[in-house]
């Protein structure tokens, strides 16, 4: 199974989202991102997770019902998850 939280280069889980494409504002604090870039904290590799959808919440905590509904809609349109390394 493809998982963007594991580094495709070294296999580390010490990774995190760094940026996203196609931002869709839900409300003042939440945005849906489709297509997210990740970076590894161990080997500095970077990769793009096409088809990956996430809720960016500026205040943290549990996403609103509105954001959860927008997330489900975006997921239905996202397509298959594909990991692609970003070359320097």
PDB file of N, CA and C in Angstrom:
ATOM      1  N   UNK A   1       0.834  -1.190   0.000  1.00  0.00           N
ATOM      2  CA  UNK A   1       0.000   0.000   0.000  1.00  0.00           C
ATOM      3  C   UNK A   1       0.879   1.253   0.000  1.00  0.00           C
ATOM      4  N   UNK A   2       0.532   2.211  -0.817  1.00  0.00           N
ATOM      5  CA  UNK A   2       1.259   3.471  -0.893  1.00  0.00           C
ATOM      6  C   UNK A   2       0.876   4.342   0.296  1.00  0.00           C
ATOM      7  N   UNK A   3       1.868   4.867   0.995  1.00  0.00           N
ATOM      8  CA  UNK A   3       1.612   5.715   2.159  1.00  0.00           C
ATOM      9  C   UNK A   3       2.577   6.900   2.106  1.00  0.00           C
ATOM     10  N   UNK A   4       2.067   8.136   1.909  1.00  0.00           N
ATOM     11  CA  UNK A   4       2.958   9.288   1.799  1.00  0.00           C
ATOM     12  C   UNK A   4       3.646   9.658   3.106  1.00  0.00           C
ATOM     13  N   UNK A   5       3.230   9.054   4.233  1.00  0.00           N
ATOM     14  CA  UNK A   5       3.856   9.349   5.519  1.00  0.00           C
ATOM     15  C   UNK A   5       5.163   8.594   5.725  1.00  0.00           C
ATOM     16  N   UNK A   6       5.482   7.647   4.842  1.00  0.00           N
ATOM     17  CA  UNK A   6       6.752   6.932   4.867  1.00  0.00           C
ATOM     18  C   UNK A   6       7.629   7.478   3.746  1.00  0.00           C
ATOM     19  N   UNK A   7       8.867   7.800   4.055  1.00  0.00           N
ATOM     20  CA  UNK A   7       9.793   8.305   3.044  1.00  0.00           C
ATOM     21  C   UNK A   7      10.032   7.227   1.988  1.00  0.00           C
ATOM     22  N   UNK A   8       9.814   7.539   0.701  1.00  0.00           N
ATOM     23  CA  UNK A   8      10.054   6.550  -0.348  1.00  0.00           C
ATOM     24  C   UNK A   8      11.537   6.261  -0.576  1.00  0.00           C
ATOM     25  N   UNK A   9      12.426   7.086  -0.012  1.00  0.00           N
ATOM     26  CA  UNK A   9      13.862   6.893  -0.187  1.00  0.00           C
ATOM     27  C   UNK A   9      14.462   6.031   0.925  1.00  0.00           C
ATOM     28  N   UNK A  10      14.207   6.414   2.196  1.00  0.00           N
ATOM     29  CA  UNK A  10      14.841   5.699   3.313  1.00  0.00           C
ATOM     30  C   UNK A  10      13.848   4.923   4.177  1.00  0.00           C
ATOM     31  N   UNK A  11      12.541   5.108   3.953  1.00  0.00           N
ATOM     32  CA  UNK A  11      11.525   4.380   4.707  1.00  0.00           C
ATOM     33  C   UNK A  11      11.173   4.985   6.053  1.00  0.00           C
ATOM     34  N   UNK A  12      11.779   6.107   6.404  1.00  0.00           N
ATOM     35  CA  UNK A  12      11.531   6.750   7.693  1.00  0.00           C
ATOM     36  C   UNK A  12      10.094   7.270   7.800  1.00  0.00           C
ATOM     37  N   UNK A  13       9.570   7.278   9.015  1.00  0.00           N
ATOM     38  CA  UNK A  13       8.276   7.907   9.289  1.00  0.00           C
ATOM     39  C   UNK A  13       8.469   9.328   9.799  1.00  0.00           C
ATOM     40  N   UNK A  14       9.701   9.786   9.898  1.00  0.00           N
ATOM     41  CA  UNK A  14      10.011  11.129  10.356  1.00  0.00           C
ATOM     42  C   UNK A  14       9.797  12.092   9.190  1.00  0.00           C
ATOM     43  N   UNK A  15       8.542  12.238   8.782  1.00  0.00           N
ATOM     44  CA  UNK A  15       8.206  13.041   7.614  1.00  0.00           C
ATOM     45  C   UNK A  15       6.992  13.902   7.927  1.00  0.00           C
ATOM     46  N   UNK A  16       6.752  14.869   7.077  1.00  0.00           N
ATOM     47  CA  UNK A  16       5.586  15.718   7.263  1.00  0.00           C
ATOM     48  C   UNK A  16       5.236  16.477   6.009  1.00  0.00           C
ATOM     49  N   UNK A  17       4.009  16.943   5.982  1.00  0.00           N
ATOM     50  CA  UNK A  17       3.528  17.744   4.861  1.00  0.00           C
ATOM     51  C   UNK A  17       4.205  19.108   4.895  1.00  0.00           C
ATOM     52  N   UNK A  18       4.593  19.594   3.723  1.00  0.00           N
ATOM     53  CA  UNK A  18       5.267  20.887   3.639  1.00  0.00           C
ATOM     54  C   UNK A  18       4.502  21.916   2.818  1.00  0.00           C
ATOM     55  N   UNK A  19       3.689  21.474   1.867  1.00  0.00           N
ATOM     56  CA  UNK A  19       2.912  22.395   1.038  1.00  0.00           C
ATOM     57  C   UNK A  19       1.813  21.616   0.338  1.00  0.00           C
ATOM     58  N   UNK A  20       0.841  22.309  -0.207  1.00  0.00           N
ATOM     59  CA  UNK A  20      -0.245  21.646  -0.914  1.00  0.00           C
ATOM     60  C   UNK A  20      -0.716  22.470  -2.091  1.00  0.00           C
ATOM     61  N   UNK A  21      -1.366  21.787  -3.023  1.00  0.00           N
ATOM     62  CA  UNK A  21      -1.903  22.442  -4.213  1.00  0.00           C
ATOM     63  C   UNK A  21      -3.414  22.482  -4.166  1.00  0.00           C
ATOM     64  N   UNK A  22      -3.980  23.267  -5.041  1.00  0.00           N
ATOM     65  CA  UNK A  22      -5.425  23.374  -5.207  1.00  0.00           C
ATOM     66  C   UNK A  22      -6.129  23.666  -3.886  1.00  0.00           C
ATOM     67  N   UNK A  23      -5.710  24.720  -3.169  1.00  0.00           N
ATOM     68  CA  UNK A  23      -6.365  25.029  -1.901  1.00  0.00           C
ATOM     69  C   UNK A  23      -7.818  25.454  -2.127  1.00  0.00           C
ATOM     70  N   UNK A  24      -8.700  24.906  -1.317  1.00  0.00           N
ATOM     71  CA  UNK A  24     -10.117  25.259  -1.363  1.00  0.00           C
ATOM     72  C   UNK A  24     -10.529  25.714   0.029  1.00  0.00           C
ATOM     73  N   UNK A  25     -10.710  27.000   0.184  1.00  0.00           N
ATOM     74  CA  UNK A  25     -11.070  27.569   1.480  1.00  0.00           C
ATOM     75  C   UNK A  25     -12.434  27.066   1.904  1.00  0.00           C
ATOM     76  N   UNK A  26     -12.535  26.544   3.112  1.00  0.00           N
ATOM     77  CA  UNK A  26     -13.802  26.073   3.666  1.00  0.00           C
ATOM     78  C   UNK A  26     -14.412  27.167   4.532  1.00  0.00           C
ATOM     79  N   UNK A  27     -13.591  27.760   5.401  1.00  0.00           N
ATOM     80  CA  UNK A  27     -14.005  28.859   6.276  1.00  0.00           C
ATOM     81  C   UNK A  27     -12.743  29.629   6.661  1.00  0.00           C
ATOM     82  N   UNK A  28     -12.835  30.514   7.617  1.00  0.00           N
ATOM     83  CA  UNK A  28     -11.689  31.358   7.977  1.00  0.00           C
ATOM     84  C   UNK A  28     -10.498  30.569   8.512  1.00  0.00           C
ATOM     85  N   UNK A  29     -10.740  29.358   9.041  1.00  0.00           N
ATOM     86  CA  UNK A  29      -9.667  28.601   9.668  1.00  0.00           C
ATOM     87  C   UNK A  29      -9.282  27.300   8.966  1.00  0.00           C
ATOM     88  N   UNK A  30     -10.090  26.847   8.004  1.00  0.00           N
ATOM     89  CA  UNK A  30      -9.844  25.539   7.410  1.00  0.00           C
ATOM     90  C   UNK A  30      -9.804  25.610   5.887  1.00  0.00           C
ATOM     91  N   UNK A  31      -8.874  24.837   5.327  1.00  0.00           N
ATOM     92  CA  UNK A  31      -8.682  24.766   3.882  1.00  0.00           C
ATOM     93  C   UNK A  31      -8.466  23.306   3.497  1.00  0.00           C
ATOM     94  N   UNK A  32      -9.042  22.892   2.382  1.00  0.00           N
ATOM     95  CA  UNK A  32      -8.817  21.554   1.846  1.00  0.00           C
ATOM     96  C   UNK A  32      -7.675  21.650   0.839  1.00  0.00           C
ATOM     97  N   UNK A  33      -6.692  20.770   0.966  1.00  0.00           N
ATOM     98  CA  UNK A  33      -5.571  20.700   0.029  1.00  0.00           C
ATOM     99  C   UNK A  33      -5.632  19.379  -0.712  1.00  0.00           C
ATOM    100  N   UNK A  34      -5.492  19.435  -2.024  1.00  0.00           N
ATOM    101  CA  UNK A  34      -5.470  18.229  -2.844  1.00  0.00           C
ATOM    102  C   UNK A  34      -4.130  18.175  -3.557  1.00  0.00           C
ATOM    103  N   UNK A  35      -3.361  17.147  -3.278  1.00  0.00           N
ATOM    104  CA  UNK A  35      -1.987  17.065  -3.781  1.00  0.00           C
ATOM    105  C   UNK A  35      -1.096  17.752  -2.768  1.00  0.00           C
ATOM    106  N   UNK A  36      -0.322  16.968  -2.028  1.00  0.00           N
ATOM    107  CA  UNK A  36       0.461  17.508  -0.914  1.00  0.00           C
ATOM    108  C   UNK A  36       1.920  17.097  -1.060  1.00  0.00           C
ATOM    109  N   UNK A  37       2.811  18.054  -0.805  1.00  0.00           N
ATOM    110  CA  UNK A  37       4.241  17.783  -0.803  1.00  0.00           C
ATOM    111  C   UNK A  37       4.691  17.375   0.588  1.00  0.00           C
ATOM    112  N   UNK A  38       5.639  16.446   0.652  1.00  0.00           N
ATOM    113  CA  UNK A  38       6.173  15.952   1.918  1.00  0.00           C
ATOM    114  C   UNK A  38       7.693  16.052   1.899  1.00  0.00           C
ATOM    115  N   UNK A  39       8.300  16.045   3.088  1.00  0.00           N
ATOM    116  CA  UNK A  39       9.753  16.056   3.228  1.00  0.00           C
ATOM    117  C   UNK A  39      10.132  15.113   4.362  1.00  0.00           C
ATOM    118  N   UNK A  40      11.274  14.445   4.231  1.00  0.00           N
ATOM    119  CA  UNK A  40      11.781  13.528   5.247  1.00  0.00           C
ATOM    120  C   UNK A  40      12.745  14.275   6.167  1.00  0.00           C
ATOM    121  N   UNK A  41      12.548  14.143   7.460  1.00  0.00           N
ATOM    122  CA  UNK A  41      13.430  14.774   8.431  1.00  0.00           C
ATOM    123  C   UNK A  41      14.750  14.048   8.607  1.00  0.00           C
ATOM    124  N   UNK A  42      14.849  12.804   8.112  1.00  0.00           N
ATOM    125  CA  UNK A  42      16.080  12.032   8.267  1.00  0.00           C
ATOM    126  C   UNK A  42      17.015  12.165   7.077  1.00  0.00           C
ATOM    127  N   UNK A  43      16.471  12.064   5.847  1.00  0.00           N
ATOM    128  CA  UNK A  43      17.353  12.093   4.671  1.00  0.00           C
ATOM    129  C   UNK A  43      17.096  13.298   3.765  1.00  0.00           C
ATOM    130  N   UNK A  44      16.165  14.165   4.141  1.00  0.00           N
ATOM    131  CA  UNK A  44      15.827  15.389   3.388  1.00  0.00           C
ATOM    132  C   UNK A  44      15.211  15.142   2.015  1.00  0.00           C
ATOM    133  N   UNK A  45      14.792  13.923   1.721  1.00  0.00           N
ATOM    134  CA  UNK A  45      14.092  13.667   0.459  1.00  0.00           C
ATOM    135  C   UNK A  45      12.768  14.421   0.456  1.00  0.00           C
ATOM    136  N   UNK A  46      12.310  14.756  -0.734  1.00  0.00           N
ATOM    137  CA  UNK A  46      11.018  15.408  -0.899  1.00  0.00           C
ATOM    138  C   UNK A  46      10.206  14.627  -1.924  1.00  0.00           C
ATOM    139  N   UNK A  47       8.892  14.558  -1.719  1.00  0.00           N
ATOM    140  CA  UNK A  47       8.033  13.849  -2.656  1.00  0.00           C
ATOM    141  C   UNK A  47       6.658  14.486  -2.680  1.00  0.00           C
ATOM    142  N   UNK A  48       5.989  14.252  -3.766  1.00  0.00           N
ATOM    143  CA  UNK A  48       4.639  14.751  -3.987  1.00  0.00           C
ATOM    144  C   UNK A  48       3.681  13.578  -3.871  1.00  0.00           C
ATOM    145  N   UNK A  49       2.596  13.758  -3.141  1.00  0.00           N
ATOM    146  CA  UNK A  49       1.554  12.735  -3.019  1.00  0.00           C
ATOM    147  C   UNK A  49       0.344  13.224  -3.813  1.00  0.00           C
ATOM    148  N   UNK A  50       0.292  12.820  -5.079  1.00  0.00           N
ATOM    149  CA  UNK A  50      -0.845  13.170  -5.939  1.00  0.00           C
ATOM    150  C   UNK A  50      -2.051  12.350  -5.491  1.00  0.00           C
ATOM    151  N   UNK A  51      -3.208  12.962  -5.438  1.00  0.00           N
ATOM    152  CA  UNK A  51      -4.410  12.271  -5.000  1.00  0.00           C
ATOM    153  C   UNK A  51      -4.575  12.247  -3.494  1.00  0.00           C
ATOM    154  N   UNK A  52      -3.637  12.831  -2.755  1.00  0.00           N
ATOM    155  CA  UNK A  52      -3.714  12.904  -1.295  1.00  0.00           C
ATOM    156  C   UNK A  52      -4.490  14.162  -0.931  1.00  0.00           C
ATOM    157  N   UNK A  53      -5.456  14.026  -0.055  1.00  0.00           N
ATOM    158  CA  UNK A  53      -6.299  15.150   0.356  1.00  0.00           C
ATOM    159  C   UNK A  53      -6.166  15.321   1.864  1.00  0.00           C
ATOM    160  N   UNK A  54      -6.055  16.555   2.316  1.00  0.00           N
ATOM    161  CA  UNK A  54      -5.990  16.818   3.749  1.00  0.00           C
ATOM    162  C   UNK A  54      -6.704  18.109   4.101  1.00  0.00           C
ATOM    163  N   UNK A  55      -7.082  18.215   5.366  1.00  0.00           N
ATOM    164  CA  UNK A  55      -7.669  19.437   5.898  1.00  0.00           C
ATOM    165  C   UNK A  55      -6.560  20.189   6.627  1.00  0.00           C
ATOM    166  N   UNK A  56      -6.258  21.396   6.190  1.00  0.00           N
ATOM    167  CA  UNK A  56      -5.328  22.269   6.905  1.00  0.00           C
ATOM    168  C   UNK A  56      -6.171  23.122   7.846  1.00  0.00           C
ATOM    169  N   UNK A  57      -5.911  22.983   9.143  1.00  0.00           N
ATOM    170  CA  UNK A  57      -6.691  23.676  10.163  1.00  0.00           C
ATOM    171  C   UNK A  57      -5.769  24.626  10.916  1.00  0.00           C
ATOM    172  N   UNK A  58      -5.960  25.906  10.748  1.00  0.00           N
ATOM    173  CA  UNK A  58      -5.075  26.913  11.333  1.00  0.00           C
ATOM    174  C   UNK A  58      -5.084  26.916  12.857  1.00  0.00           C
ATOM    175  N   UNK A  59      -6.175  26.483  13.479  1.00  0.00           N
ATOM    176  CA  UNK A  59      -6.265  26.491  14.933  1.00  0.00           C
ATOM    177  C   UNK A  59      -6.035  25.119  15.544  1.00  0.00           C
ATOM    178  N   UNK A  60      -5.880  24.083  14.704  1.00  0.00           N
ATOM    179  CA  UNK A  60      -5.715  22.731  15.217  1.00  0.00           C
ATOM    180  C   UNK A  60      -7.040  22.190  15.742  1.00  0.00           C
ATOM    181  N   UNK A  61      -6.983  21.040  16.332  1.00  0.00           N
ATOM    182  CA  UNK A  61      -8.190  20.448  16.885  1.00  0.00           C
ATOM    183  C   UNK A  61      -8.990  19.680  15.855  1.00  0.00           C
ATOM    184  N   UNK A  62     -10.201  19.332  16.243  1.00  0.00           N
ATOM    185  CA  UNK A  62     -11.093  18.537  15.405  1.00  0.00           C
ATOM    186  C   UNK A  62     -11.641  19.397  14.273  1.00  0.00           C
ATOM    187  N   UNK A  63     -11.603  18.892  13.030  1.00  0.00           N
ATOM    188  CA  UNK A  63     -12.163  19.645  11.908  1.00  0.00           C
ATOM    189  C   UNK A  63     -13.680  19.851  12.079  1.00  0.00           C
ATOM    190  N   UNK A  64     -14.151  20.949  11.548  1.00  0.00           N
ATOM    191  CA  UNK A  64     -15.587  21.245  11.591  1.00  0.00           C
ATOM    192  C   UNK A  64     -16.353  20.268  10.701  1.00  0.00           C
ATOM    193  N   UNK A  65     -17.652  20.171  10.915  1.00  0.00           N
ATOM    194  CA  UNK A  65     -18.492  19.325  10.060  1.00  0.00           C
ATOM    195  C   UNK A  65     -18.434  19.807   8.619  1.00  0.00           C
ATOM    196  N   UNK A  66     -18.372  21.123   8.443  1.00  0.00           N
ATOM    197  CA  UNK A  66     -18.278  21.707   7.102  1.00  0.00           C
ATOM    198  C   UNK A  66     -16.998  21.253   6.398  1.00  0.00           C
ATOM    199  N   UNK A  67     -15.871  21.264   7.127  1.00  0.00           N
ATOM    200  CA  UNK A  67     -14.596  20.832   6.549  1.00  0.00           C
ATOM    201  C   UNK A  67     -14.607  19.336   6.264  1.00  0.00           C
ATOM    202  N   UNK A  68     -15.211  18.550   7.140  1.00  0.00           N
ATOM    203  CA  UNK A  68     -15.284  17.110   6.919  1.00  0.00           C
ATOM    204  C   UNK A  68     -16.100  16.792   5.666  1.00  0.00           C
ATOM    205  N   UNK A  69     -17.198  17.514   5.451  1.00  0.00           N
ATOM    206  CA  UNK A  69     -18.011  17.308   4.249  1.00  0.00           C
ATOM    207  C   UNK A  69     -17.220  17.687   2.995  1.00  0.00           C
ATOM    208  N   UNK A  70     -16.491  18.812   3.055  1.00  0.00           N
ATOM    209  CA  UNK A  70     -15.672  19.241   1.914  1.00  0.00           C
ATOM    210  C   UNK A  70     -14.547  18.246   1.651  1.00  0.00           C
ATOM    211  N   UNK A  71     -13.988  17.671   2.711  1.00  0.00           N
ATOM    212  CA  UNK A  71     -12.943  16.663   2.589  1.00  0.00           C
ATOM    213  C   UNK A  71     -13.465  15.430   1.850  1.00  0.00           C
ATOM    214  N   UNK A  72     -14.635  14.947   2.247  1.00  0.00           N
ATOM    215  CA  UNK A  72     -15.217  13.772   1.589  1.00  0.00           C
ATOM    216  C   UNK A  72     -15.496  14.031   0.117  1.00  0.00           C
ATOM    217  N   UNK A  73     -15.969  15.234  -0.203  1.00  0.00           N
ATOM    218  CA  UNK A  73     -16.214  15.582  -1.605  1.00  0.00           C
ATOM    219  C   UNK A  73     -14.905  15.608  -2.389  1.00  0.00           C
ATOM    220  N   UNK A  74     -13.867  16.227  -1.802  1.00  0.00           N
ATOM    221  CA  UNK A  74     -12.562  16.291  -2.477  1.00  0.00           C
ATOM    222  C   UNK A  74     -11.971  14.897  -2.657  1.00  0.00           C
ATOM    223  N   UNK A  75     -12.152  14.027  -1.668  1.00  0.00           N
ATOM    224  CA  UNK A  75     -11.648  12.654  -1.773  1.00  0.00           C
ATOM    225  C   UNK A  75     -12.309  11.908  -2.932  1.00  0.00           C
ATOM    226  N   UNK A  76     -13.593  12.155  -3.137  1.00  0.00           N
ATOM    227  CA  UNK A  76     -14.302  11.456  -4.214  1.00  0.00           C
ATOM    228  C   UNK A  76     -13.810  11.878  -5.596  1.00  0.00           C
ATOM    229  N   UNK A  77     -13.164  13.037  -5.683  1.00  0.00           N
ATOM    230  CA  UNK A  77     -12.668  13.562  -6.957  1.00  0.00           C
ATOM    231  C   UNK A  77     -11.151  13.434  -7.112  1.00  0.00           C
ATOM    232  N   UNK A  78     -10.458  12.990  -6.065  1.00  0.00           N
ATOM    233  CA  UNK A  78      -8.995  13.054  -6.027  1.00  0.00           C
ATOM    234  C   UNK A  78      -8.287  12.069  -6.944  1.00  0.00           C
ATOM    235  N   UNK A  79      -8.881  10.949  -7.231  1.00  0.00           N
ATOM    236  CA  UNK A  79      -8.194   9.946  -8.046  1.00  0.00           C
ATOM    237  C   UNK A  79      -7.279   9.085  -7.194  1.00  0.00           C
ATOM    238  N   UNK A  80      -6.523   8.232  -7.861  1.00  0.00           N
ATOM    239  CA  UNK A  80      -5.642   7.298  -7.161  1.00  0.00           C
ATOM    240  C   UNK A  80      -4.456   8.006  -6.544  1.00  0.00           C
ATOM    241  N   UNK A  81      -4.002   7.500  -5.396  1.00  0.00           N
ATOM    242  CA  UNK A  81      -2.833   8.044  -4.733  1.00  0.00           C
ATOM    243  C   UNK A  81      -1.579   7.593  -5.468  1.00  0.00           C
ATOM    244  N   UNK A  82      -0.709   8.554  -5.764  1.00  0.00           N
ATOM    245  CA  UNK A  82       0.538   8.274  -6.475  1.00  0.00           C
ATOM    246  C   UNK A  82       1.652   9.100  -5.838  1.00  0.00           C
ATOM    247  N   UNK A  83       2.762   8.448  -5.497  1.00  0.00           N
ATOM    248  CA  UNK A  83       3.913   9.115  -4.887  1.00  0.00           C
ATOM    249  C   UNK A  83       4.948   9.376  -5.977  1.00  0.00           C
ATOM    250  N   UNK A  84       5.429  10.608  -6.026  1.00  0.00           N
ATOM    251  CA  UNK A  84       6.413  10.985  -7.038  1.00  0.00           C
ATOM    252  C   UNK A  84       7.529  11.784  -6.377  1.00  0.00           C
ATOM    253  N   UNK A  85       8.768  11.267  -6.393  1.00  0.00           N
ATOM    254  CA  UNK A  85       9.893  12.020  -5.813  1.00  0.00           C
ATOM    255  C   UNK A  85      10.078  13.368  -6.505  1.00  0.00           C
ATOM    256  N   UNK A  86      10.473  14.363  -5.739  1.00  0.00           N
ATOM    257  CA  UNK A  86      10.786  15.687  -6.285  1.00  0.00           C
ATOM    258  C   UNK A  86      12.297  15.766  -6.403  1.00  0.00           C
ATOM    259  N   UNK A  87      12.755  15.930  -7.611  1.00  0.00           N
ATOM    260  CA  UNK A  87      14.208  15.999  -7.865  1.00  0.00           C
ATOM    261  C   UNK A  87      14.710  17.405  -7.551  1.00  0.00           C
ATOM    262  N   UNK A  88      15.961  17.476  -7.090  1.00  0.00           N
ATOM    263  CA  UNK A  88      16.591  18.781  -6.819  1.00  0.00           C
ATOM    264  C   UNK A  88      16.851  19.548  -8.074  1.00  0.00           C
TER     265      UNK A  88
END
